[in-house]
Amino acid sequence: ILYNMGLTYHLAEETKPKSIAYALENAISLYEMAYNLGMHLYDDVRTNQVVMASLNNASHIHHQLGNYMKSKEILDSLSFFILSLQSPILEEDAVARNEFLLNVMIMKEPQG
């Protein structure tokens, strides 16, 4: 639920430009809560997906706001989290993890 609420605020910034900062700050807070809760729950595929998506999305918002160091810090946490997981049983789980890792590799601070 926390992740979905964060996603709602994250996407709200696209429809209501006047309240962008408010929406993005709320989205980051909710993603952080979802991440923290996920880290204390049973280690299962859905919980891990929420943790990965929360980190990925929070990093994206920080990047969007120009907080490149914070974005990189969160992406490093995402990478560490993914690499600490057991090998996935299902192919779709492996694909999802690889997509998040690819995002970690390509998200860079803009040049110039």
C-alpha atoms as a PDB file:
ATOM      1  CA  ILE A   1       0.000   0.000   0.000  1.00  0.00           C
ATOM      2  CA  LEU A   2       2.805   2.437   0.886  1.00  0.00           C
ATOM      3  CA  TYR A   3       4.532   1.762  -2.423  1.00  0.00           C
ATOM      4  CA  ASN A   4       1.296   2.335  -4.353  1.00  0.00           C
ATOM      5  CA  MET A   5       0.671   5.589  -2.480  1.00  0.00           C
ATOM      6  CA  GLY A   6       4.202   6.685  -3.349  1.00  0.00           C
ATOM      7  CA  LEU A   7       3.582   5.819  -6.967  1.00  0.00           C
ATOM      8  CA  THR A   8       0.404   7.909  -6.909  1.00  0.00           C
ATOM      9  CA  TYR A   9       2.303  10.975  -5.695  1.00  0.00           C
ATOM     10  CA  HIS A  10       5.126  10.236  -8.132  1.00  0.00           C
ATOM     11  CA  LEU A  11       2.725  10.174 -11.065  1.00  0.00           C
ATOM     12  CA  ALA A  12       0.689  13.129  -9.739  1.00  0.00           C
ATOM     13  CA  GLU A  13       3.592  15.454 -10.499  1.00  0.00           C
ATOM     14  CA  GLU A  14       2.936  14.843 -14.190  1.00  0.00           C
ATOM     15  CA  THR A  15      -0.669  16.045 -13.986  1.00  0.00           C
ATOM     16  CA  LYS A  16      -0.425  18.919 -11.483  1.00  0.00           C
ATOM     17  CA  PRO A  17       2.756  20.885 -12.164  1.00  0.00           C
ATOM     18  CA  LYS A  18       2.028  23.513  -9.464  1.00  0.00           C
ATOM     19  CA  SER A  19       2.491  20.989  -6.668  1.00  0.00           C
ATOM     20  CA  ILE A  20       5.461  19.082  -8.094  1.00  0.00           C
ATOM     21  CA  ALA A  21       7.800  19.503  -5.112  1.00  0.00           C
ATOM     22  CA  TYR A  22       5.098  18.512  -2.628  1.00  0.00           C
ATOM     23  CA  ALA A  23       4.122  15.434  -4.631  1.00  0.00           C
ATOM     24  CA  LEU A  24       7.715  14.279  -5.137  1.00  0.00           C
ATOM     25  CA  GLU A  25       8.647  14.782  -1.473  1.00  0.00           C
ATOM     26  CA  ASN A  26       5.621  12.725  -0.435  1.00  0.00           C
ATOM     27  CA  ALA A  27       6.480  10.060  -2.989  1.00  0.00           C
ATOM     28  CA  ILE A  28      10.049   9.787  -1.655  1.00  0.00           C
ATOM     29  CA  SER A  29       8.791   9.515   1.934  1.00  0.00           C
ATOM     30  CA  LEU A  30       6.338   6.777   1.021  1.00  0.00           C
ATOM     31  CA  TYR A  31       8.938   4.855  -1.005  1.00  0.00           C
ATOM     32  CA  GLU A  32      11.293   5.048   1.994  1.00  0.00           C
ATOM     33  CA  MET A  33       8.550   3.721   4.293  1.00  0.00           C
ATOM     34  CA  ALA A  34       7.780   0.893   1.857  1.00  0.00           C
ATOM     35  CA  TYR A  35      11.496   0.053   1.659  1.00  0.00           C
ATOM     36  CA  ASN A  36      11.928   0.070   5.454  1.00  0.00           C
ATOM     37  CA  LEU A  37       8.842  -2.060   5.968  1.00  0.00           C
ATOM     38  CA  GLY A  38       9.915  -4.464   3.236  1.00  0.00           C
ATOM     39  CA  MET A  39      13.298  -4.936   4.885  1.00  0.00           C
ATOM     40  CA  HIS A  40      11.534  -6.152   8.046  1.00  0.00           C
ATOM     41  CA  LEU A  41       9.098  -8.533   6.369  1.00  0.00           C
ATOM     42  CA  TYR A  42       9.473 -12.116   5.266  1.00  0.00           C
ATOM     43  CA  ASP A  43      11.874 -12.497   2.355  1.00  0.00           C
ATOM     44  CA  ASP A  44       9.623 -13.404  -0.577  1.00  0.00           C
ATOM     45  CA  VAL A  45       9.428 -12.459  -4.245  1.00  0.00           C
ATOM     46  CA  ARG A  46       6.688  -9.813  -3.926  1.00  0.00           C
ATOM     47  CA  THR A  47       8.321  -8.111  -0.953  1.00  0.00           C
ATOM     48  CA  ASN A  48      11.653  -8.070  -2.768  1.00  0.00           C
ATOM     49  CA  GLN A  49      10.000  -6.545  -5.846  1.00  0.00           C
ATOM     50  CA  VAL A  50       8.483  -3.765  -3.730  1.00  0.00           C
ATOM     51  CA  VAL A  51      11.852  -3.087  -2.080  1.00  0.00           C
ATOM     52  CA  MET A  52      13.611  -2.947  -5.466  1.00  0.00           C
ATOM     53  CA  ALA A  53      10.933  -0.750  -7.045  1.00  0.00           C
ATOM     54  CA  SER A  54      10.878   1.590  -4.040  1.00  0.00           C
ATOM     55  CA  LEU A  55      14.623   2.107  -4.188  1.00  0.00           C
ATOM     56  CA  ASN A  56      14.571   2.503  -7.957  1.00  0.00           C
ATOM     57  CA  ASN A  57      11.761   5.058  -7.922  1.00  0.00           C
ATOM     58  CA  ALA A  58      13.192   7.075  -5.011  1.00  0.00           C
ATOM     59  CA  SER A  59      16.491   7.215  -6.863  1.00  0.00           C
ATOM     60  CA  HIS A  60      14.714   8.362 -10.022  1.00  0.00           C
ATOM     61  CA  ILE A  61      13.002  11.197  -8.156  1.00  0.00           C
ATOM     62  CA  HIS A  62      16.250  12.356  -6.562  1.00  0.00           C
ATOM     63  CA  HIS A  63      17.875  12.284  -9.993  1.00  0.00           C
ATOM     64  CA  GLN A  64      14.966  14.238 -11.454  1.00  0.00           C
ATOM     65  CA  LEU A  65      15.392  16.858  -8.687  1.00  0.00           C
ATOM     66  CA  GLY A  66      19.131  17.132  -9.344  1.00  0.00           C
ATOM     67  CA  ASN A  67      20.143  15.317  -6.141  1.00  0.00           C
ATOM     68  CA  TYR A  68      22.611  13.136  -8.043  1.00  0.00           C
ATOM     69  CA  MET A  69      24.671  12.019  -5.037  1.00  0.00           C
ATOM     70  CA  LYS A  70      21.558  10.862  -3.173  1.00  0.00           C
ATOM     71  CA  SER A  71      20.312   9.149  -6.327  1.00  0.00           C
ATOM     72  CA  LYS A  72      23.607   7.275  -6.673  1.00  0.00           C
ATOM     73  CA  GLU A  73      23.588   6.338  -2.980  1.00  0.00           C
ATOM     74  CA  ILE A  74      20.123   4.803  -3.339  1.00  0.00           C
ATOM     75  CA  LEU A  75      21.107   3.002  -6.558  1.00  0.00           C
ATOM     76  CA  ASP A  76      24.124   1.565  -4.739  1.00  0.00           C
ATOM     77  CA  SER A  77      21.746   0.264  -2.055  1.00  0.00           C
ATOM     78  CA  LEU A  78      19.547  -1.217  -4.782  1.00  0.00           C
ATOM     79  CA  SER A  79      22.515  -2.963  -6.363  1.00  0.00           C
ATOM     80  CA  PHE A  80      23.691  -4.321  -3.014  1.00  0.00           C
ATOM     81  CA  PHE A  81      20.168  -5.528  -2.196  1.00  0.00           C
ATOM     82  CA  ILE A  82      19.770  -7.331  -5.523  1.00  0.00           C
ATOM     83  CA  LEU A  83      23.169  -8.981  -5.304  1.00  0.00           C
ATOM     84  CA  SER A  84      22.409 -10.184  -1.769  1.00  0.00           C
ATOM     85  CA  LEU A  85      19.268 -12.060  -2.850  1.00  0.00           C
ATOM     86  CA  GLN A  86      19.207 -15.782  -3.453  1.00  0.00           C
ATOM     87  CA  SER A  87      19.161 -16.919  -7.057  1.00  0.00           C
ATOM     88  CA  PRO A  88      15.687 -16.492  -8.521  1.00  0.00           C
ATOM     89  CA  ILE A  89      13.650 -19.582  -9.225  1.00  0.00           C
ATOM     90  CA  LEU A  90      11.475 -18.085 -11.956  1.00  0.00           C
ATOM     91  CA  GLU A  91      12.822 -16.558 -15.150  1.00  0.00           C
ATOM     92  CA  GLU A  92      10.578 -13.489 -14.756  1.00  0.00           C
ATOM     93  CA  ASP A  93      12.196 -12.734 -11.385  1.00  0.00           C
ATOM     94  CA  ALA A  94      15.647 -12.932 -12.944  1.00  0.00           C
ATOM     95  CA  VAL A  95      14.547 -10.592 -15.735  1.00  0.00           C
ATOM     96  CA  ALA A  96      13.135  -8.065 -13.239  1.00  0.00           C
ATOM     97  CA  ARG A  97      16.356  -8.087 -11.225  1.00  0.00           C
ATOM     98  CA  ASN A  98      18.433  -7.645 -14.368  1.00  0.00           C
ATOM     99  CA  GLU A  99      16.295  -4.700 -15.454  1.00  0.00           C
ATOM    100  CA  PHE A 100      16.828  -2.986 -12.097  1.00  0.00           C
ATOM    101  CA  LEU A 101      20.563  -3.662 -12.298  1.00  0.00           C
ATOM    102  CA  LEU A 102      20.640  -2.224 -15.806  1.00  0.00           C
ATOM    103  CA  ASN A 103      18.977   0.915 -14.481  1.00  0.00           C
ATOM    104  CA  VAL A 104      21.683   1.125 -11.799  1.00  0.00           C
ATOM    105  CA  MET A 105      24.349   0.978 -14.508  1.00  0.00           C
ATOM    106  CA  ILE A 106      22.830   3.548 -16.899  1.00  0.00           C
ATOM    107  CA  MET A 107      21.574   6.204 -14.446  1.00  0.00           C
ATOM    108  CA  LYS A 108      24.312   8.822 -14.443  1.00  0.00           C
ATOM    109  CA  GLU A 109      24.652  12.492 -13.602  1.00  0.00           C
ATOM    110  CA  PRO A 110      24.126  14.597 -16.723  1.00  0.00           C
ATOM    111  CA  GLN A 111      27.292  15.961 -18.289  1.00  0.00           C
ATOM    112  CA  GLY A 112      27.734  19.620 -19.103  1.00  0.00           C
END
